[in-house]
Amino acid sequence: MHYTVLAGGTGAAKFLLGLTQVVPQEQIHVVVNVGDDAEVWGLHVSPDIDTVLYALSNRLDMARGWGLPDETFRCLQEIGRYGMPTWFRLGDADLATHLSRTEMLRRLPLSAVTAKLAESMGVRASVFPATNDRLRTRIETPDGLLDFQEFFVRDRCRPEVLSVLYSGVPDAQALDAAVHSIREAQLVILAPSNPITSIGPILAAHGMRDALRCTRAEVVAVSPIVGDKAVSGPAGKLMEASGFDVTPAGVARCYHDFLDNLVVHASDAAVAPDIRNDTIGVQVTNILMTSPEDARRLAQFVVDENRTAPR
C-alpha cells in the first residue's frame, strides 16, 4: 500500500512533512515537478526535487522554505568577483547536491540520480521526477520568454505574464515508475502547489493525465487558493494568465478531467456548489499550514476523508 503525492514548491514540502506524521515514510511516493529545473554555473539544479529530499530527510531550512539550514555563501561571494550572476543564491552546502547531481547525470538518468541522492540522505520515501526528459516552464512576458527561475527569483514575479509554456513537451514522457505509482496507489494526492508551474509541468508529461484518469485510487487535491488569493507565491497571477479563475473553483477546473475531490479552506465552503457542478466532490477544513501540527492535521484529514476502497 502506498500514497502517491504530486508535488512542487514549499506548500508541498510542508504537506509531505505532515503526511510523514500520519503514514510511514516508506508508504509515501512523491512525483516531483522538473519544470523549475535550471542550469546555474554549469550545474544542473532541481529546486523542487531538492526541496522534497531536504524536507523528507529533515534537513530543509523551514524558515526560508528552500535550501539547507545554517547555510554559508562563500562561493557565491567569490564567484561574483569573476562577473558571474549571483541572483540565484546557491549556498555552499547546497552546492554539494548540485555538483553530485551534475556529475552523476553524465552516466545516469535523472530518476536514478534522484534515487541515489535520496538514499544518501536517508530518505525512505520513493521520490520520482515526473520525467527524465527535458521539460521546462517558460513565462511569456511583453519583453519575451523567461525561464521560470528568471521570472520567479531574478525578477521576483514582477513582469506581466501573457502565457505559460512548457518547453520540451513533444519529447517528454512520464516516468514509468511514476505512472505505475499513480495507477497502483491507495490514494493520489495533489499537494497544495501552484497548479500552473508546480503541478502543470507534471501533467504535461505524456502519459501522466492518462494515469490519473485510469488509476484505481481516489484522486484528491488540496487547494493552494483561499478566497481569491494564493496562500503563497505567484499562483494567482499565473492562473489568471492561463485563463483560470483565481478561486478554488478555478483550481478544480485545472484538474477537471481526473479529480475526484478538492479540499478547500473553511472560508470557501460557499463555492462548493460551483465545484460540484464539475462533478468534483468538495471537502472543507482549515488548509493553512502555519505549524507542523497544522500540516499533520491537514494530512490526517486528507487521508481520513479519502479512505474509500480504490475505484
C-alpha atoms as a PDB file:
ATOM      1  CA  MET A   1       0.000   0.000   0.000  1.00  0.00           C
ATOM      2  CA  HIS A   2       1.308   3.448  -0.825  1.00  0.00           C
ATOM      3  CA  TYR A   3       0.183   7.060  -1.136  1.00  0.00           C
ATOM      4  CA  THR A   4       1.289   8.971  -4.227  1.00  0.00           C
ATOM      5  CA  VAL A   5       1.754  12.737  -3.922  1.00  0.00           C
ATOM      6  CA  LEU A   6       2.260  15.089  -6.882  1.00  0.00           C
ATOM      7  CA  ALA A   7       4.470  17.847  -5.538  1.00  0.00           C
ATOM      8  CA  GLY A   8       6.282  21.084  -6.176  1.00  0.00           C
ATOM      9  CA  GLY A   9       7.105  24.128  -4.092  1.00  0.00           C
ATOM     10  CA  THR A  10       7.095  24.968  -0.396  1.00  0.00           C
ATOM     11  CA  GLY A  11       3.431  24.078   0.177  1.00  0.00           C
ATOM     12  CA  ALA A  12       4.140  20.540  -0.986  1.00  0.00           C
ATOM     13  CA  ALA A  13       7.134  20.252   1.344  1.00  0.00           C
ATOM     14  CA  LYS A  14       5.049  21.308   4.336  1.00  0.00           C
ATOM     15  CA  PHE A  15       2.286  18.879   3.403  1.00  0.00           C
ATOM     16  CA  LEU A  16       4.744  15.995   2.963  1.00  0.00           C
ATOM     17  CA  LEU A  17       6.210  16.634   6.400  1.00  0.00           C
ATOM     18  CA  GLY A  18       2.664  16.443   7.777  1.00  0.00           C
ATOM     19  CA  LEU A  19       1.993  13.235   5.858  1.00  0.00           C
ATOM     20  CA  THR A  20       5.095  11.583   7.354  1.00  0.00           C
ATOM     21  CA  GLN A  21       3.452  12.032  10.769  1.00  0.00           C
ATOM     22  CA  VAL A  22       0.339  10.187   9.561  1.00  0.00           C
ATOM     23  CA  VAL A  23       1.664   7.264   7.492  1.00  0.00           C
ATOM     24  CA  PRO A  24       5.089   5.568   7.413  1.00  0.00           C
ATOM     25  CA  GLN A  25       7.502   7.344   5.100  1.00  0.00           C
ATOM     26  CA  GLU A  26       8.098   4.048   3.289  1.00  0.00           C
ATOM     27  CA  GLN A  27       4.473   4.193   2.110  1.00  0.00           C
ATOM     28  CA  ILE A  28       4.883   7.634   0.503  1.00  0.00           C
ATOM     29  CA  HIS A  29       5.686   8.050  -3.199  1.00  0.00           C
ATOM     30  CA  VAL A  30       6.371  11.563  -4.486  1.00  0.00           C
ATOM     31  CA  VAL A  31       6.176  12.574  -8.155  1.00  0.00           C
ATOM     32  CA  VAL A  32       8.054  15.856  -8.408  1.00  0.00           C
ATOM     33  CA  ASN A  33       7.956  18.777 -10.810  1.00  0.00           C
ATOM     34  CA  VAL A  34      11.030  19.296 -13.004  1.00  0.00           C
ATOM     35  CA  GLY A  35       9.731  22.341 -14.885  1.00  0.00           C
ATOM     36  CA  ASP A  36      11.670  24.597 -12.487  1.00  0.00           C
ATOM     37  CA  ASP A  37      14.997  22.868 -13.182  1.00  0.00           C
ATOM     38  CA  ALA A  38      17.760  25.192 -14.326  1.00  0.00           C
ATOM     39  CA  GLU A  39      21.427  25.322 -15.216  1.00  0.00           C
ATOM     40  CA  VAL A  40      23.359  27.558 -12.826  1.00  0.00           C
ATOM     41  CA  TRP A  41      27.134  27.999 -13.249  1.00  0.00           C
ATOM     42  CA  GLY A  42      27.106  24.845 -15.398  1.00  0.00           C
ATOM     43  CA  LEU A  43      25.353  22.822 -12.696  1.00  0.00           C
ATOM     44  CA  HIS A  44      22.009  21.024 -13.030  1.00  0.00           C
ATOM     45  CA  VAL A  45      19.774  22.410 -10.276  1.00  0.00           C
ATOM     46  CA  SER A  46      16.452  20.701  -9.484  1.00  0.00           C
ATOM     47  CA  PRO A  47      14.838  23.039  -6.935  1.00  0.00           C
ATOM     48  CA  ASP A  48      11.638  21.081  -6.316  1.00  0.00           C
ATOM     49  CA  ILE A  49      13.370  17.706  -6.101  1.00  0.00           C
ATOM     50  CA  ASP A  50      15.870  19.144  -3.633  1.00  0.00           C
ATOM     51  CA  THR A  51      13.156  20.752  -1.517  1.00  0.00           C
ATOM     52  CA  VAL A  52      11.353  17.397  -1.286  1.00  0.00           C
ATOM     53  CA  LEU A  53      14.560  15.493  -0.471  1.00  0.00           C
ATOM     54  CA  TYR A  54      15.659  18.027   2.131  1.00  0.00           C
ATOM     55  CA  ALA A  55      12.216  18.015   3.725  1.00  0.00           C
ATOM     56  CA  LEU A  56      11.961  14.214   3.890  1.00  0.00           C
ATOM     57  CA  SER A  57      15.476  13.994   5.358  1.00  0.00           C
ATOM     58  CA  ASN A  58      14.628  16.676   7.961  1.00  0.00           C
ATOM     59  CA  ARG A  59      17.289  18.989   6.541  1.00  0.00           C
ATOM     60  CA  LEU A  60      15.130  21.676   4.922  1.00  0.00           C
ATOM     61  CA  ASP A  61      15.537  25.278   6.054  1.00  0.00           C
ATOM     62  CA  MET A  62      11.911  25.738   7.119  1.00  0.00           C
ATOM     63  CA  ALA A  63      12.300  29.488   7.657  1.00  0.00           C
ATOM     64  CA  ARG A  64      13.150  30.071   4.001  1.00  0.00           C
ATOM     65  CA  GLY A  65      11.248  27.052   2.642  1.00  0.00           C
ATOM     66  CA  TRP A  66      14.220  26.018   0.476  1.00  0.00           C
ATOM     67  CA  GLY A  67      17.862  25.089   0.845  1.00  0.00           C
ATOM     68  CA  LEU A  68      19.692  23.870   3.922  1.00  0.00           C
ATOM     69  CA  PRO A  69      19.781  25.457   7.396  1.00  0.00           C
ATOM     70  CA  ASP A  70      22.822  27.319   8.739  1.00  0.00           C
ATOM     71  CA  GLU A  71      23.954  27.825   5.153  1.00  0.00           C
ATOM     72  CA  THR A  72      27.001  29.884   4.192  1.00  0.00           C
ATOM     73  CA  PHE A  73      27.575  31.669   0.869  1.00  0.00           C
ATOM     74  CA  ARG A  74      31.351  31.951   0.487  1.00  0.00           C
ATOM     75  CA  CYS A  75      31.303  30.503  -3.043  1.00  0.00           C
ATOM     76  CA  LEU A  76      28.534  32.914  -4.050  1.00  0.00           C
ATOM     77  CA  GLN A  77      30.598  35.861  -2.819  1.00  0.00           C
ATOM     78  CA  GLU A  78      33.717  34.708  -4.610  1.00  0.00           C
ATOM     79  CA  ILE A  79      32.076  33.784  -7.906  1.00  0.00           C
ATOM     80  CA  GLY A  80      30.621  37.289  -8.093  1.00  0.00           C
ATOM     81  CA  ARG A  81      34.187  38.621  -8.281  1.00  0.00           C
ATOM     82  CA  TYR A  82      34.504  36.943 -11.682  1.00  0.00           C
ATOM     83  CA  GLY A  83      31.400  38.596 -13.083  1.00  0.00           C
ATOM     84  CA  MET A  84      29.191  35.515 -12.755  1.00  0.00           C
ATOM     85  CA  PRO A  85      25.495  36.092 -11.981  1.00  0.00           C
ATOM     86  CA  THR A  86      24.654  35.784  -8.286  1.00  0.00           C
ATOM     87  CA  TRP A  87      20.880  36.305  -8.293  1.00  0.00           C
ATOM     88  CA  PHE A  88      20.281  32.550  -7.869  1.00  0.00           C
ATOM     89  CA  ARG A  89      21.663  32.086  -4.372  1.00  0.00           C
ATOM     90  CA  LEU A  90      23.279  28.672  -4.107  1.00  0.00           C
ATOM     91  CA  GLY A  91      24.670  28.010  -0.661  1.00  0.00           C
ATOM     92  CA  ASP A  92      27.940  26.227  -0.022  1.00  0.00           C
ATOM     93  CA  ALA A  93      26.411  23.025   1.405  1.00  0.00           C
ATOM     94  CA  ASP A  94      23.667  23.068  -1.224  1.00  0.00           C
ATOM     95  CA  LEU A  95      26.349  23.163  -3.915  1.00  0.00           C
ATOM     96  CA  ALA A  96      27.394  19.641  -2.943  1.00  0.00           C
ATOM     97  CA  THR A  97      23.991  18.358  -4.065  1.00  0.00           C
ATOM     98  CA  HIS A  98      24.185  20.124  -7.422  1.00  0.00           C
ATOM     99  CA  LEU A  99      27.785  19.117  -8.061  1.00  0.00           C
ATOM    100  CA  SER A 100      26.951  15.489  -7.290  1.00  0.00           C
ATOM    101  CA  ARG A 101      23.810  15.516  -9.440  1.00  0.00           C
ATOM    102  CA  THR A 102      25.595  17.095 -12.409  1.00  0.00           C
ATOM    103  CA  GLU A 103      28.425  14.579 -12.249  1.00  0.00           C
ATOM    104  CA  MET A 104      26.075  11.584 -11.948  1.00  0.00           C
ATOM    105  CA  LEU A 105      23.909  12.832 -14.832  1.00  0.00           C
ATOM    106  CA  ARG A 106      26.877  12.186 -17.135  1.00  0.00           C
ATOM    107  CA  ARG A 107      26.090   8.458 -16.893  1.00  0.00           C
ATOM    108  CA  LEU A 108      22.642   8.100 -15.283  1.00  0.00           C
ATOM    109  CA  PRO A 109      19.117   9.446 -15.932  1.00  0.00           C
ATOM    110  CA  LEU A 110      17.622  11.957 -13.508  1.00  0.00           C
ATOM    111  CA  SER A 111      15.403   9.314 -11.874  1.00  0.00           C
ATOM    112  CA  ALA A 112      18.395   7.124 -10.960  1.00  0.00           C
ATOM    113  CA  VAL A 113      20.355  10.146  -9.730  1.00  0.00           C
ATOM    114  CA  THR A 114      17.405  11.228  -7.594  1.00  0.00           C
ATOM    115  CA  ALA A 115      17.166   7.741  -6.082  1.00  0.00           C
ATOM    116  CA  LYS A 116      20.873   7.793  -5.219  1.00  0.00           C
ATOM    117  CA  LEU A 117      20.629  11.231  -3.628  1.00  0.00           C
ATOM    118  CA  ALA A 118      17.574  10.144  -1.645  1.00  0.00           C
ATOM    119  CA  GLU A 119      19.362   7.033  -0.382  1.00  0.00           C
ATOM    120  CA  SER A 120      22.399   9.089   0.629  1.00  0.00           C
ATOM    121  CA  MET A 121      20.182  11.462   2.611  1.00  0.00           C
ATOM    122  CA  GLY A 122      18.361   8.660   4.384  1.00  0.00           C
ATOM    123  CA  VAL A 123      15.033   9.346   2.667  1.00  0.00           C
ATOM    124  CA  ARG A 124      12.780   6.292   2.966  1.00  0.00           C
ATOM    125  CA  ALA A 125      10.028   7.545   0.643  1.00  0.00           C
ATOM    126  CA  SER A 126      10.214   6.869  -3.100  1.00  0.00           C
ATOM    127  CA  VAL A 127      10.902  10.115  -4.974  1.00  0.00           C
ATOM    128  CA  PHE A 128      10.434  10.270  -8.749  1.00  0.00           C
ATOM    129  CA  PRO A 129      10.979  13.132 -11.201  1.00  0.00           C
ATOM    130  CA  ALA A 130       7.891  13.449 -13.389  1.00  0.00           C
ATOM    131  CA  THR A 131      10.047  12.734 -16.447  1.00  0.00           C
ATOM    132  CA  ASN A 132      13.666  12.002 -17.315  1.00  0.00           C
ATOM    133  CA  ASP A 133      13.306  14.172 -20.402  1.00  0.00           C
ATOM    134  CA  ARG A 134      13.995  17.881 -20.595  1.00  0.00           C
ATOM    135  CA  LEU A 135      10.768  19.738 -19.763  1.00  0.00           C
ATOM    136  CA  ARG A 136      10.982  23.385 -18.693  1.00  0.00           C
ATOM    137  CA  THR A 137       8.482  26.074 -17.751  1.00  0.00           C
ATOM    138  CA  ARG A 138       8.700  29.304 -19.743  1.00  0.00           C
ATOM    139  CA  ILE A 139       6.914  32.537 -18.879  1.00  0.00           C
ATOM    140  CA  GLU A 140       5.840  34.713 -21.815  1.00  0.00           C
ATOM    141  CA  THR A 141       6.109  38.428 -20.994  1.00  0.00           C
ATOM    142  CA  PRO A 142       5.807  41.579 -23.139  1.00  0.00           C
ATOM    143  CA  ASP A 143       9.624  41.583 -23.334  1.00  0.00           C
ATOM    144  CA  GLY A 144       9.938  37.945 -24.389  1.00  0.00           C
ATOM    145  CA  LEU A 145      10.233  34.480 -22.849  1.00  0.00           C
ATOM    146  CA  LEU A 146      11.775  33.962 -19.436  1.00  0.00           C
ATOM    147  CA  ASP A 147      12.929  30.753 -17.797  1.00  0.00           C
ATOM    148  CA  PHE A 148      10.857  30.154 -14.688  1.00  0.00           C
ATOM    149  CA  GLN A 149      13.750  30.907 -12.335  1.00  0.00           C
ATOM    150  CA  GLU A 150      14.435  34.187 -14.148  1.00  0.00           C
ATOM    151  CA  PHE A 151      10.807  35.178 -13.619  1.00  0.00           C
ATOM    152  CA  PHE A 152      10.468  33.824 -10.085  1.00  0.00           C
ATOM    153  CA  VAL A 153      13.848  34.506  -8.477  1.00  0.00           C
ATOM    154  CA  ARG A 154      15.662  37.128 -10.529  1.00  0.00           C
ATOM    155  CA  ASP A 155      12.647  39.294 -11.399  1.00  0.00           C
ATOM    156  CA  ARG A 156      10.609  38.398  -8.269  1.00  0.00           C
ATOM    157  CA  CYS A 157       7.431  37.685 -10.280  1.00  0.00           C
ATOM    158  CA  ARG A 158       7.118  41.342 -11.305  1.00  0.00           C
ATOM    159  CA  PRO A 159       6.821  41.028 -15.119  1.00  0.00           C
ATOM    160  CA  GLU A 160       3.397  40.963 -16.720  1.00  0.00           C
ATOM    161  CA  VAL A 161       2.539  37.382 -17.682  1.00  0.00           C
ATOM    162  CA  LEU A 162       0.974  36.802 -21.091  1.00  0.00           C
ATOM    163  CA  SER A 163       1.045  32.999 -21.000  1.00  0.00           C
ATOM    164  CA  VAL A 164       2.833  29.999 -19.525  1.00  0.00           C
ATOM    165  CA  LEU A 165       4.501  27.439 -21.800  1.00  0.00           C
ATOM    166  CA  TYR A 166       6.066  24.040 -21.190  1.00  0.00           C
ATOM    167  CA  SER A 167       9.115  23.660 -23.403  1.00  0.00           C
ATOM    168  CA  GLY A 168      10.021  20.119 -24.432  1.00  0.00           C
ATOM    169  CA  VAL A 169       6.531  18.635 -24.148  1.00  0.00           C
ATOM    170  CA  PRO A 170       6.638  16.758 -27.502  1.00  0.00           C
ATOM    171  CA  ASP A 171       9.518  14.604 -26.224  1.00  0.00           C
ATOM    172  CA  ALA A 172       8.668  14.456 -22.510  1.00  0.00           C
ATOM    173  CA  GLN A 173       7.422  11.019 -21.465  1.00  0.00           C
ATOM    174  CA  ALA A 174       6.103  10.465 -17.976  1.00  0.00           C
ATOM    175  CA  LEU A 175       8.459   8.315 -15.929  1.00  0.00           C
ATOM    176  CA  ASP A 176       7.268   4.693 -15.991  1.00  0.00           C
ATOM    177  CA  ALA A 177       7.768   4.335 -12.235  1.00  0.00           C
ATOM    178  CA  ALA A 178       5.674   7.451 -11.605  1.00  0.00           C
ATOM    179  CA  VAL A 179       2.860   6.189 -13.844  1.00  0.00           C
ATOM    180  CA  HIS A 180       2.919   2.810 -12.096  1.00  0.00           C
ATOM    181  CA  SER A 181       2.877   4.515  -8.695  1.00  0.00           C
ATOM    182  CA  ILE A 182      -0.208   6.519  -9.632  1.00  0.00           C
ATOM    183  CA  ARG A 183      -2.048   3.541 -11.107  1.00  0.00           C
ATOM    184  CA  GLU A 184      -1.388   1.311  -8.083  1.00  0.00           C
ATOM    185  CA  ALA A 185      -1.767   3.872  -5.295  1.00  0.00           C
ATOM    186  CA  GLN A 186      -4.103   3.599  -2.326  1.00  0.00           C
ATOM    187  CA  LEU A 187      -4.673   7.345  -2.685  1.00  0.00           C
ATOM    188  CA  VAL A 188      -3.320  10.007  -5.064  1.00  0.00           C
ATOM    189  CA  ILE A 189      -2.870  13.475  -3.575  1.00  0.00           C
ATOM    190  CA  LEU A 190      -2.099  16.694  -5.422  1.00  0.00           C
ATOM    191  CA  ALA A 191      -0.278  18.766  -2.823  1.00  0.00           C
ATOM    192  CA  PRO A 192      -1.219  22.438  -2.267  1.00  0.00           C
ATOM    193  CA  SER A 193       1.110  23.504  -5.066  1.00  0.00           C
ATOM    194  CA  ASN A 194       0.862  26.079  -7.840  1.00  0.00           C
ATOM    195  CA  PRO A 195      -1.450  24.419 -10.426  1.00  0.00           C
ATOM    196  CA  ILE A 196       0.306  26.112 -13.345  1.00  0.00           C
ATOM    197  CA  THR A 197       4.037  25.915 -12.635  1.00  0.00           C
ATOM    198  CA  SER A 198       4.328  23.182  -9.978  1.00  0.00           C
ATOM    199  CA  ILE A 199       1.657  20.648 -10.965  1.00  0.00           C
ATOM    200  CA  GLY A 200       1.153  21.789 -14.584  1.00  0.00           C
ATOM    201  CA  PRO A 201       4.546  20.550 -15.849  1.00  0.00           C
ATOM    202  CA  ILE A 202       3.960  17.167 -14.197  1.00  0.00           C
ATOM    203  CA  LEU A 203       0.639  16.848 -16.009  1.00  0.00           C
ATOM    204  CA  ALA A 204       2.266  17.930 -19.293  1.00  0.00           C
ATOM    205  CA  ALA A 205       4.453  14.808 -19.438  1.00  0.00           C
ATOM    206  CA  HIS A 206       2.900  12.331 -21.868  1.00  0.00           C
ATOM    207  CA  GLY A 207       1.001   9.601 -20.048  1.00  0.00           C
ATOM    208  CA  MET A 208       0.554  11.433 -16.749  1.00  0.00           C
ATOM    209  CA  ARG A 209      -3.049  12.587 -17.197  1.00  0.00           C
ATOM    210  CA  ASP A 210      -3.995   9.172 -18.563  1.00  0.00           C
ATOM    211  CA  ALA A 211      -2.546   7.557 -15.446  1.00  0.00           C
ATOM    212  CA  LEU A 212      -4.557   9.901 -13.238  1.00  0.00           C
ATOM    213  CA  ARG A 213      -7.738   9.216 -15.187  1.00  0.00           C
ATOM    214  CA  CYS A 214      -7.216   5.458 -15.071  1.00  0.00           C
ATOM    215  CA  THR A 215      -5.934   4.942 -11.530  1.00  0.00           C
ATOM    216  CA  ARG A 216      -7.975   2.738  -9.228  1.00  0.00           C
ATOM    217  CA  ALA A 217      -7.429   5.224  -6.386  1.00  0.00           C
ATOM    218  CA  GLU A 218      -9.308   8.347  -5.427  1.00  0.00           C
ATOM    219  CA  VAL A 219      -7.544  11.499  -6.644  1.00  0.00           C
ATOM    220  CA  VAL A 220      -7.744  14.424  -4.231  1.00  0.00           C
ATOM    221  CA  ALA A 221      -6.171  17.889  -4.461  1.00  0.00           C
ATOM    222  CA  VAL A 222      -5.574  20.422  -1.721  1.00  0.00           C
ATOM    223  CA  SER A 223      -6.354  23.920  -2.969  1.00  0.00           C
ATOM    224  CA  PRO A 224      -3.456  26.401  -2.908  1.00  0.00           C
ATOM    225  CA  ILE A 225      -6.029  29.211  -3.211  1.00  0.00           C
ATOM    226  CA  VAL A 226      -8.054  30.685  -0.348  1.00  0.00           C
ATOM    227  CA  GLY A 227     -10.724  33.130  -1.457  1.00  0.00           C
ATOM    228  CA  ASP A 228      -9.230  34.853  -4.471  1.00  0.00           C
ATOM    229  CA  LYS A 229      -5.588  34.758  -3.373  1.00  0.00           C
ATOM    230  CA  ALA A 230      -2.794  32.218  -3.361  1.00  0.00           C
ATOM    231  CA  VAL A 231      -1.643  31.037   0.032  1.00  0.00           C
ATOM    232  CA  SER A 232       1.889  31.862  -1.153  1.00  0.00           C
ATOM    233  CA  GLY A 233       3.774  32.602  -4.354  1.00  0.00           C
ATOM    234  CA  PRO A 234       2.549  33.745  -7.787  1.00  0.00           C
ATOM    235  CA  ALA A 235      -0.109  31.053  -8.349  1.00  0.00           C
ATOM    236  CA  GLY A 236      -2.889  33.618  -8.688  1.00  0.00           C
ATOM    237  CA  LYS A 237      -1.070  35.680 -11.294  1.00  0.00           C
ATOM    238  CA  LEU A 238      -0.160  32.601 -13.306  1.00  0.00           C
ATOM    239  CA  MET A 239      -3.627  31.042 -13.100  1.00  0.00           C
ATOM    240  CA  GLU A 240      -5.181  34.272 -14.351  1.00  0.00           C
ATOM    241  CA  ALA A 241      -2.736  34.450 -17.261  1.00  0.00           C
ATOM    242  CA  SER A 242      -3.600  30.842 -18.119  1.00  0.00           C
ATOM    243  CA  GLY A 243      -7.329  31.533 -18.265  1.00  0.00           C
ATOM    244  CA  PHE A 244      -8.412  30.153 -14.877  1.00  0.00           C
ATOM    245  CA  ASP A 245     -10.333  31.974 -12.176  1.00  0.00           C
ATOM    246  CA  VAL A 246      -8.226  32.615  -9.085  1.00  0.00           C
ATOM    247  CA  THR A 247     -10.588  30.652  -6.846  1.00  0.00           C
ATOM    248  CA  PRO A 248     -10.833  27.085  -5.583  1.00  0.00           C
ATOM    249  CA  ALA A 249     -13.264  26.504  -8.471  1.00  0.00           C
ATOM    250  CA  GLY A 250     -10.501  27.591 -10.845  1.00  0.00           C
ATOM    251  CA  VAL A 251      -8.182  25.048  -9.242  1.00  0.00           C
ATOM    252  CA  ALA A 252     -10.816  22.342  -9.774  1.00  0.00           C
ATOM    253  CA  ARG A 253     -11.033  23.264 -13.449  1.00  0.00           C
ATOM    254  CA  CYS A 254      -7.264  22.837 -13.830  1.00  0.00           C
ATOM    255  CA  TYR A 255      -7.751  19.189 -12.835  1.00  0.00           C
ATOM    256  CA  HIS A 256     -11.314  18.612 -14.062  1.00  0.00           C
ATOM    257  CA  ASP A 257     -10.607  15.552 -16.194  1.00  0.00           C
ATOM    258  CA  PHE A 258      -9.297  13.339 -13.383  1.00  0.00           C
ATOM    259  CA  LEU A 259     -10.038  14.923  -9.978  1.00  0.00           C
ATOM    260  CA  ASP A 260     -12.435  13.210  -7.544  1.00  0.00           C
ATOM    261  CA  ASN A 261     -12.261  15.595  -4.580  1.00  0.00           C
ATOM    262  CA  LEU A 262     -10.926  19.062  -3.793  1.00  0.00           C
ATOM    263  CA  VAL A 263     -10.035  20.101  -0.249  1.00  0.00           C
ATOM    264  CA  VAL A 264     -10.835  23.789   0.320  1.00  0.00           C
ATOM    265  CA  HIS A 265     -10.468  26.160   3.241  1.00  0.00           C
ATOM    266  CA  ALA A 266     -13.404  26.544   5.628  1.00  0.00           C
ATOM    267  CA  SER A 267     -13.954  30.120   4.461  1.00  0.00           C
ATOM    268  CA  ASP A 268     -14.541  28.824   0.903  1.00  0.00           C
ATOM    269  CA  ALA A 269     -17.346  26.416   1.757  1.00  0.00           C
ATOM    270  CA  ALA A 270     -19.795  28.543  -0.217  1.00  0.00           C
ATOM    271  CA  VAL A 271     -18.001  27.769  -3.506  1.00  0.00           C
ATOM    272  CA  ALA A 272     -18.769  24.068  -3.173  1.00  0.00           C
ATOM    273  CA  PRO A 273     -21.823  24.149  -5.490  1.00  0.00           C
ATOM    274  CA  ASP A 274     -19.749  25.638  -8.334  1.00  0.00           C
ATOM    275  CA  ILE A 275     -17.148  22.912  -7.957  1.00  0.00           C
ATOM    276  CA  ARG A 276     -19.682  20.102  -7.636  1.00  0.00           C
ATOM    277  CA  ASN A 277     -21.178  21.225 -10.954  1.00  0.00           C
ATOM    278  CA  ASP A 278     -17.939  19.852 -12.396  1.00  0.00           C
ATOM    279  CA  THR A 279     -18.763  16.501 -10.703  1.00  0.00           C
ATOM    280  CA  ILE A 280     -15.906  17.010  -8.253  1.00  0.00           C
ATOM    281  CA  GLY A 281     -16.508  16.465  -4.545  1.00  0.00           C
ATOM    282  CA  VAL A 282     -15.619  19.167  -2.022  1.00  0.00           C
ATOM    283  CA  GLN A 283     -14.071  18.570   1.400  1.00  0.00           C
ATOM    284  CA  VAL A 284     -13.839  21.509   3.801  1.00  0.00           C
ATOM    285  CA  THR A 285     -11.272  22.105   6.542  1.00  0.00           C
ATOM    286  CA  ASN A 286      -8.559  24.531   7.628  1.00  0.00           C
ATOM    287  CA  ILE A 287      -5.925  24.119   4.904  1.00  0.00           C
ATOM    288  CA  LEU A 288      -3.439  26.713   6.214  1.00  0.00           C
ATOM    289  CA  MET A 289      -0.199  25.182   7.468  1.00  0.00           C
ATOM    290  CA  THR A 290       1.428  27.634   9.871  1.00  0.00           C
ATOM    291  CA  SER A 291       2.957  24.938  12.087  1.00  0.00           C
ATOM    292  CA  PRO A 292       3.980  21.277  11.900  1.00  0.00           C
ATOM    293  CA  GLU A 293       0.811  20.389  13.795  1.00  0.00           C
ATOM    294  CA  ASP A 294      -1.290  22.186  11.157  1.00  0.00           C
ATOM    295  CA  ALA A 295       0.434  20.141   8.449  1.00  0.00           C
ATOM    296  CA  ARG A 296      -0.123  16.895  10.350  1.00  0.00           C
ATOM    297  CA  ARG A 297      -3.794  17.733  10.921  1.00  0.00           C
ATOM    298  CA  LEU A 298      -4.343  18.556   7.220  1.00  0.00           C
ATOM    299  CA  ALA A 299      -2.627  15.356   6.083  1.00  0.00           C
ATOM    300  CA  GLN A 300      -4.681  13.334   8.557  1.00  0.00           C
ATOM    301  CA  PHE A 301      -7.869  14.951   7.240  1.00  0.00           C
ATOM    302  CA  VAL A 302      -6.978  14.151   3.623  1.00  0.00           C
ATOM    303  CA  VAL A 303      -6.181  10.522   4.418  1.00  0.00           C
ATOM    304  CA  ASP A 304      -9.234  10.008   6.648  1.00  0.00           C
ATOM    305  CA  GLU A 305     -11.701  11.638   4.243  1.00  0.00           C
ATOM    306  CA  ASN A 306     -10.478   9.562   1.309  1.00  0.00           C
ATOM    307  CA  ARG A 307     -10.162   6.101   2.840  1.00  0.00           C
ATOM    308  CA  THR A 308     -12.615   4.622   0.362  1.00  0.00           C
ATOM    309  CA  ALA A 309     -11.597   1.495  -1.486  1.00  0.00           C
ATOM    310  CA  PRO A 310      -9.840   2.021  -4.836  1.00  0.00           C
ATOM    311  CA  ARG A 311     -12.174   2.566  -7.772  1.00  0.00           C
END
